[in-house]
């Protein structure tokens, strides 16, 4: 398992953060995702053998938001 921070475009509401968190947590290869509305960051623990960073970005894009950078 690896951990990564996803810096999201500015979130407009707490519900948006919850939606992104739910989508990430349902994504195959993601063990746990926590999205913080106030900082627009997502902490994600994932299995790199099952999903790549590009897959995490695509999961976020399904919610109408995008990842601005990763760390």
PDB file of N, CA and C in Angstrom:
ATOM      1  N   UNK A   1       0.840  -1.182   0.000  1.00  0.00           N
ATOM      2  CA  UNK A   1       0.000   0.000   0.000  1.00  0.00           C
ATOM      3  C   UNK A   1       0.885   1.245   0.000  1.00  0.00           C
ATOM      4  N   UNK A   2       0.411   2.258  -0.704  1.00  0.00           N
ATOM      5  CA  UNK A   2       1.091   3.548  -0.734  1.00  0.00           C
ATOM      6  C   UNK A   2       0.095   4.629  -0.346  1.00  0.00           C
ATOM      7  N   UNK A   3       0.638   5.777   0.075  1.00  0.00           N
ATOM      8  CA  UNK A   3      -0.203   6.919   0.424  1.00  0.00           C
ATOM      9  C   UNK A   3       0.171   8.088  -0.473  1.00  0.00           C
ATOM     10  N   UNK A   4      -0.846   8.861  -0.827  1.00  0.00           N
ATOM     11  CA  UNK A   4      -0.637  10.032  -1.673  1.00  0.00           C
ATOM     12  C   UNK A   4      -1.598  11.126  -1.253  1.00  0.00           C
ATOM     13  N   UNK A   5      -1.186  12.375  -1.444  1.00  0.00           N
ATOM     14  CA  UNK A   5      -2.074  13.521  -1.238  1.00  0.00           C
ATOM     15  C   UNK A   5      -2.478  14.040  -2.604  1.00  0.00           C
ATOM     16  N   UNK A   6      -3.763  14.200  -2.785  1.00  0.00           N
ATOM     17  CA  UNK A   6      -4.292  14.789  -4.008  1.00  0.00           C
ATOM     18  C   UNK A   6      -4.754  16.200  -3.668  1.00  0.00           C
ATOM     19  N   UNK A   7      -4.198  17.162  -4.355  1.00  0.00           N
ATOM     20  CA  UNK A   7      -4.613  18.554  -4.168  1.00  0.00           C
ATOM     21  C   UNK A   7      -5.695  18.835  -5.202  1.00  0.00           C
ATOM     22  N   UNK A   8      -6.897  19.067  -4.723  1.00  0.00           N
ATOM     23  CA  UNK A   8      -8.065  19.221  -5.590  1.00  0.00           C
ATOM     24  C   UNK A   8      -8.301  20.688  -5.903  1.00  0.00           C
ATOM     25  N   UNK A   9      -8.984  20.923  -7.046  1.00  0.00           N
ATOM     26  CA  UNK A   9      -9.408  22.298  -7.296  1.00  0.00           C
ATOM     27  C   UNK A   9     -10.325  22.676  -6.151  1.00  0.00           C
ATOM     28  N   UNK A  10     -10.456  23.957  -5.896  1.00  0.00           N
ATOM     29  CA  UNK A  10     -11.188  24.434  -4.724  1.00  0.00           C
ATOM     30  C   UNK A  10     -12.585  23.824  -4.637  1.00  0.00           C
ATOM     31  N   UNK A  11     -12.847  23.181  -3.514  1.00  0.00           N
ATOM     32  CA  UNK A  11     -14.154  22.566  -3.293  1.00  0.00           C
ATOM     33  C   UNK A  11     -15.161  23.633  -2.893  1.00  0.00           C
ATOM     34  N   UNK A  12     -16.362  23.541  -3.447  1.00  0.00           N
ATOM     35  CA  UNK A  12     -17.357  24.574  -3.202  1.00  0.00           C
ATOM     36  C   UNK A  12     -18.251  24.291  -2.000  1.00  0.00           C
ATOM     37  N   UNK A  13     -18.258  23.035  -1.523  1.00  0.00           N
ATOM     38  CA  UNK A  13     -19.115  22.727  -0.378  1.00  0.00           C
ATOM     39  C   UNK A  13     -18.681  21.408   0.279  1.00  0.00           C
ATOM     40  N   UNK A  14     -19.074  21.210   1.543  1.00  0.00           N
ATOM     41  CA  UNK A  14     -18.742  19.960   2.222  1.00  0.00           C
ATOM     42  C   UNK A  14     -19.341  18.738   1.529  1.00  0.00           C
ATOM     43  N   UNK A  15     -20.518  18.895   0.948  1.00  0.00           N
ATOM     44  CA  UNK A  15     -21.146  17.768   0.242  1.00  0.00           C
ATOM     45  C   UNK A  15     -20.299  17.316  -0.940  1.00  0.00           C
ATOM     46  N   UNK A  16     -19.642  18.262  -1.591  1.00  0.00           N
ATOM     47  CA  UNK A  16     -18.763  17.920  -2.718  1.00  0.00           C
ATOM     48  C   UNK A  16     -17.589  17.068  -2.231  1.00  0.00           C
ATOM     49  N   UNK A  17     -17.032  17.444  -1.097  1.00  0.00           N
ATOM     50  CA  UNK A  17     -15.937  16.671  -0.516  1.00  0.00           C
ATOM     51  C   UNK A  17     -16.401  15.264  -0.167  1.00  0.00           C
ATOM     52  N   UNK A  18     -17.603  15.155   0.386  1.00  0.00           N
ATOM     53  CA  UNK A  18     -18.156  13.837   0.727  1.00  0.00           C
ATOM     54  C   UNK A  18     -18.368  12.995  -0.523  1.00  0.00           C
ATOM     55  N   UNK A  19     -18.837  13.619  -1.587  1.00  0.00           N
ATOM     56  CA  UNK A  19     -19.076  12.901  -2.838  1.00  0.00           C
ATOM     57  C   UNK A  19     -17.759  12.350  -3.392  1.00  0.00           C
ATOM     58  N   UNK A  20     -16.711  13.174  -3.396  1.00  0.00           N
ATOM     59  CA  UNK A  20     -15.410  12.729  -3.888  1.00  0.00           C
ATOM     60  C   UNK A  20     -14.889  11.590  -3.017  1.00  0.00           C
ATOM     61  N   UNK A  21     -15.029  11.735  -1.715  1.00  0.00           N
ATOM     62  CA  UNK A  21     -14.568  10.703  -0.785  1.00  0.00           C
ATOM     63  C   UNK A  21     -15.283   9.375  -1.045  1.00  0.00           C
ATOM     64  N   UNK A  22     -16.589   9.432  -1.246  1.00  0.00           N
ATOM     65  CA  UNK A  22     -17.358   8.216  -1.515  1.00  0.00           C
ATOM     66  C   UNK A  22     -16.909   7.547  -2.806  1.00  0.00           C
ATOM     67  N   UNK A  23     -16.718   8.345  -3.851  1.00  0.00           N
ATOM     68  CA  UNK A  23     -16.298   7.780  -5.142  1.00  0.00           C
ATOM     69  C   UNK A  23     -14.920   7.137  -5.018  1.00  0.00           C
ATOM     70  N   UNK A  24     -13.990   7.817  -4.366  1.00  0.00           N
ATOM     71  CA  UNK A  24     -12.650   7.252  -4.193  1.00  0.00           C
ATOM     72  C   UNK A  24     -12.689   5.965  -3.379  1.00  0.00           C
ATOM     73  N   UNK A  25     -13.469   5.953  -2.302  1.00  0.00           N
ATOM     74  CA  UNK A  25     -13.529   4.763  -1.453  1.00  0.00           C
ATOM     75  C   UNK A  25     -14.178   3.570  -2.148  1.00  0.00           C
ATOM     76  N   UNK A  26     -14.969   3.811  -3.183  1.00  0.00           N
ATOM     77  CA  UNK A  26     -15.580   2.721  -3.955  1.00  0.00           C
ATOM     78  C   UNK A  26     -14.712   2.285  -5.128  1.00  0.00           C
ATOM     79  N   UNK A  27     -13.603   2.992  -5.363  1.00  0.00           N
ATOM     80  CA  UNK A  27     -12.731   2.700  -6.490  1.00  0.00           C
ATOM     81  C   UNK A  27     -11.843   1.514  -6.158  1.00  0.00           C
ATOM     82  N   UNK A  28     -11.798   0.549  -7.075  1.00  0.00           N
ATOM     83  CA  UNK A  28     -10.969  -0.635  -6.863  1.00  0.00           C
ATOM     84  C   UNK A  28      -9.509  -0.229  -6.701  1.00  0.00           C
ATOM     85  N   UNK A  29      -8.876  -0.776  -5.687  1.00  0.00           N
ATOM     86  CA  UNK A  29      -7.479  -0.476  -5.420  1.00  0.00           C
ATOM     87  C   UNK A  29      -7.281   0.572  -4.338  1.00  0.00           C
ATOM     88  N   UNK A  30      -8.364   1.267  -3.973  1.00  0.00           N
ATOM     89  CA  UNK A  30      -8.278   2.271  -2.913  1.00  0.00           C
ATOM     90  C   UNK A  30      -8.668   1.613  -1.594  1.00  0.00           C
ATOM     91  N   UNK A  31      -7.744   1.675  -0.628  1.00  0.00           N
ATOM     92  CA  UNK A  31      -8.042   1.125   0.694  1.00  0.00           C
ATOM     93  C   UNK A  31      -8.829   2.128   1.520  1.00  0.00           C
ATOM     94  N   UNK A  32      -8.369   3.410   1.493  1.00  0.00           N
ATOM     95  CA  UNK A  32      -9.050   4.431   2.280  1.00  0.00           C
ATOM     96  C   UNK A  32      -8.775   5.806   1.689  1.00  0.00           C
ATOM     97  N   UNK A  33      -9.808   6.633   1.659  1.00  0.00           N
ATOM     98  CA  UNK A  33      -9.668   8.013   1.202  1.00  0.00           C
ATOM     99  C   UNK A  33     -10.367   8.938   2.185  1.00  0.00           C
ATOM    100  N   UNK A  34      -9.684  10.015   2.536  1.00  0.00           N
ATOM    101  CA  UNK A  34     -10.252  11.058   3.383  1.00  0.00           C
ATOM    102  C   UNK A  34     -10.114  12.376   2.634  1.00  0.00           C
ATOM    103  N   UNK A  35     -11.239  13.039   2.391  1.00  0.00           N
ATOM    104  CA  UNK A  35     -11.219  14.318   1.683  1.00  0.00           C
ATOM    105  C   UNK A  35     -11.586  15.413   2.667  1.00  0.00           C
ATOM    106  N   UNK A  36     -10.762  16.451   2.704  1.00  0.00           N
ATOM    107  CA  UNK A  36     -10.962  17.554   3.638  1.00  0.00           C
ATOM    108  C   UNK A  36     -11.427  18.788   2.871  1.00  0.00           C
ATOM    109  N   UNK A  37     -12.641  19.200   3.150  1.00  0.00           N
ATOM    110  CA  UNK A  37     -13.256  20.339   2.467  1.00  0.00           C
ATOM    111  C   UNK A  37     -12.468  21.629   2.660  1.00  0.00           C
ATOM    112  N   UNK A  38     -12.041  21.914   3.876  1.00  0.00           N
ATOM    113  CA  UNK A  38     -11.411  23.197   4.177  1.00  0.00           C
ATOM    114  C   UNK A  38     -10.050  23.379   3.499  1.00  0.00           C
ATOM    115  N   UNK A  39      -9.349  22.261   3.242  1.00  0.00           N
ATOM    116  CA  UNK A  39      -8.025  22.355   2.611  1.00  0.00           C
ATOM    117  C   UNK A  39      -8.035  21.921   1.149  1.00  0.00           C
ATOM    118  N   UNK A  40      -9.142  21.356   0.684  1.00  0.00           N
ATOM    119  CA  UNK A  40      -9.256  20.817  -0.687  1.00  0.00           C
ATOM    120  C   UNK A  40      -8.174  19.777  -0.972  1.00  0.00           C
ATOM    121  N   UNK A  41      -7.926  18.933   0.039  1.00  0.00           N
ATOM    122  CA  UNK A  41      -6.944  17.860  -0.112  1.00  0.00           C
ATOM    123  C   UNK A  41      -7.600  16.515   0.165  1.00  0.00           C
ATOM    124  N   UNK A  42      -7.099  15.512  -0.542  1.00  0.00           N
ATOM    125  CA  UNK A  42      -7.539  14.141  -0.294  1.00  0.00           C
ATOM    126  C   UNK A  42      -6.320  13.316   0.070  1.00  0.00           C
ATOM    127  N   UNK A  43      -6.392  12.629   1.196  1.00  0.00           N
ATOM    128  CA  UNK A  43      -5.363  11.674   1.586  1.00  0.00           C
ATOM    129  C   UNK A  43      -5.865  10.301   1.175  1.00  0.00           C
ATOM    130  N   UNK A  44      -5.100   9.632   0.319  1.00  0.00           N
ATOM    131  CA  UNK A  44      -5.551   8.362  -0.238  1.00  0.00           C
ATOM    132  C   UNK A  44      -4.515   7.277   0.010  1.00  0.00           C
ATOM    133  N   UNK A  45      -4.971   6.153   0.542  1.00  0.00           N
ATOM    134  CA  UNK A  45      -4.139   4.970   0.683  1.00  0.00           C
ATOM    135  C   UNK A  45      -4.614   3.993  -0.395  1.00  0.00           C
ATOM    136  N   UNK A  46      -3.683   3.562  -1.235  1.00  0.00           N
ATOM    137  CA  UNK A  46      -4.078   2.746  -2.384  1.00  0.00           C
ATOM    138  C   UNK A  46      -3.026   1.684  -2.697  1.00  0.00           C
ATOM    139  N   UNK A  47      -3.432   0.696  -3.484  1.00  0.00           N
ATOM    140  CA  UNK A  47      -2.550  -0.378  -3.932  1.00  0.00           C
ATOM    141  C   UNK A  47      -2.091  -0.052  -5.348  1.00  0.00           C
ATOM    142  N   UNK A  48      -0.821   0.312  -5.540  1.00  0.00           N
ATOM    143  CA  UNK A  48      -0.342   0.695  -6.874  1.00  0.00           C
ATOM    144  C   UNK A  48      -0.346  -0.447  -7.890  1.00  0.00           C
ATOM    145  N   UNK A  49      -0.514  -1.673  -7.414  1.00  0.00           N
ATOM    146  CA  UNK A  49      -0.621  -2.803  -8.333  1.00  0.00           C
ATOM    147  C   UNK A  49      -2.027  -2.922  -8.909  1.00  0.00           C
ATOM    148  N   UNK A  50      -2.991  -2.265  -8.272  1.00  0.00           N
ATOM    149  CA  UNK A  50      -4.386  -2.325  -8.725  1.00  0.00           C
ATOM    150  C   UNK A  50      -4.858  -1.041  -9.391  1.00  0.00           C
ATOM    151  N   UNK A  51      -4.255   0.099  -9.022  1.00  0.00           N
ATOM    152  CA  UNK A  51      -4.671   1.375  -9.602  1.00  0.00           C
ATOM    153  C   UNK A  51      -3.479   2.329  -9.645  1.00  0.00           C
ATOM    154  N   UNK A  52      -3.395   3.069 -10.732  1.00  0.00           N
ATOM    155  CA  UNK A  52      -2.349   4.071 -10.883  1.00  0.00           C
ATOM    156  C   UNK A  52      -2.898   5.435 -10.484  1.00  0.00           C
ATOM    157  N   UNK A  53      -2.005   6.402 -10.359  1.00  0.00           N
ATOM    158  CA  UNK A  53      -2.428   7.762  -9.996  1.00  0.00           C
ATOM    159  C   UNK A  53      -3.410   8.311 -11.028  1.00  0.00           C
ATOM    160  N   UNK A  54      -3.204   7.970 -12.289  1.00  0.00           N
ATOM    161  CA  UNK A  54      -4.130   8.433 -13.325  1.00  0.00           C
ATOM    162  C   UNK A  54      -5.542   7.907 -13.080  1.00  0.00           C
ATOM    163  N   UNK A  55      -5.652   6.710 -12.526  1.00  0.00           N
ATOM    164  CA  UNK A  55      -6.957   6.146 -12.196  1.00  0.00           C
ATOM    165  C   UNK A  55      -7.621   6.890 -11.055  1.00  0.00           C
ATOM    166  N   UNK A  56      -6.813   7.343 -10.095  1.00  0.00           N
ATOM    167  CA  UNK A  56      -7.354   8.144  -8.997  1.00  0.00           C
ATOM    168  C   UNK A  56      -7.875   9.468  -9.529  1.00  0.00           C
ATOM    169  N   UNK A  57      -7.120  10.060 -10.448  1.00  0.00           N
ATOM    170  CA  UNK A  57      -7.544  11.333 -11.050  1.00  0.00           C
ATOM    171  C   UNK A  57      -8.835  11.164 -11.830  1.00  0.00           C
ATOM    172  N   UNK A  58      -8.975  10.049 -12.539  1.00  0.00           N
ATOM    173  CA  UNK A  58     -10.203   9.788 -13.298  1.00  0.00           C
ATOM    174  C   UNK A  58     -11.398   9.623 -12.366  1.00  0.00           C
ATOM    175  N   UNK A  59     -11.183   8.977 -11.221  1.00  0.00           N
ATOM    176  CA  UNK A  59     -12.265   8.796 -10.256  1.00  0.00           C
ATOM    177  C   UNK A  59     -12.737  10.159  -9.746  1.00  0.00           C
ATOM    178  N   UNK A  60     -11.799  11.052  -9.454  1.00  0.00           N
ATOM    179  CA  UNK A  60     -12.152  12.401  -9.007  1.00  0.00           C
ATOM    180  C   UNK A  60     -12.897  13.139 -10.123  1.00  0.00           C
ATOM    181  N   UNK A  61     -12.447  12.987 -11.351  1.00  0.00           N
ATOM    182  CA  UNK A  61     -13.066  13.674 -12.493  1.00  0.00           C
ATOM    183  C   UNK A  61     -14.529  13.277 -12.665  1.00  0.00           C
ATOM    184  N   UNK A  62     -14.895  12.067 -12.269  1.00  0.00           N
ATOM    185  CA  UNK A  62     -16.289  11.626 -12.359  1.00  0.00           C
ATOM    186  C   UNK A  62     -17.216  12.500 -11.510  1.00  0.00           C
ATOM    187  N   UNK A  63     -16.658  13.174 -10.518  1.00  0.00           N
ATOM    188  CA  UNK A  63     -17.465  14.010  -9.634  1.00  0.00           C
ATOM    189  C   UNK A  63     -17.565  15.448 -10.142  1.00  0.00           C
ATOM    190  N   UNK A  64     -16.852  15.749 -11.218  1.00  0.00           N
ATOM    191  CA  UNK A  64     -16.876  17.101 -11.767  1.00  0.00           C
ATOM    192  C   UNK A  64     -15.730  17.976 -11.275  1.00  0.00           C
ATOM    193  N   UNK A  65     -14.841  17.403 -10.490  1.00  0.00           N
ATOM    194  CA  UNK A  65     -13.666  18.128  -9.994  1.00  0.00           C
ATOM    195  C   UNK A  65     -12.416  17.535 -10.615  1.00  0.00           C
ATOM    196  N   UNK A  66     -11.279  18.206 -10.405  1.00  0.00           N
ATOM    197  CA  UNK A  66     -10.039  17.653 -10.922  1.00  0.00           C
ATOM    198  C   UNK A  66      -8.928  17.813  -9.902  1.00  0.00           C
ATOM    199  N   UNK A  67      -7.923  16.966 -10.079  1.00  0.00           N
ATOM    200  CA  UNK A  67      -6.730  17.007  -9.231  1.00  0.00           C
ATOM    201  C   UNK A  67      -5.768  18.005  -9.851  1.00  0.00           C
ATOM    202  N   UNK A  68      -5.362  18.998  -9.060  1.00  0.00           N
ATOM    203  CA  UNK A  68      -4.425  20.000  -9.566  1.00  0.00           C
ATOM    204  C   UNK A  68      -2.995  19.532  -9.446  1.00  0.00           C
ATOM    205  N   UNK A  69      -2.659  18.787  -8.381  1.00  0.00           N
ATOM    206  CA  UNK A  69      -1.321  18.229  -8.254  1.00  0.00           C
ATOM    207  C   UNK A  69      -1.356  17.101  -7.214  1.00  0.00           C
ATOM    208  N   UNK A  70      -0.285  16.332  -7.163  1.00  0.00           N
ATOM    209  CA  UNK A  70      -0.186  15.241  -6.211  1.00  0.00           C
ATOM    210  C   UNK A  70       1.116  15.395  -5.441  1.00  0.00           C
ATOM    211  N   UNK A  71       1.163  14.736  -4.299  1.00  0.00           N
ATOM    212  CA  UNK A  71       2.387  14.753  -3.505  1.00  0.00           C
ATOM    213  C   UNK A  71       2.503  13.477  -2.716  1.00  0.00           C
TER     214      UNK A  71
END
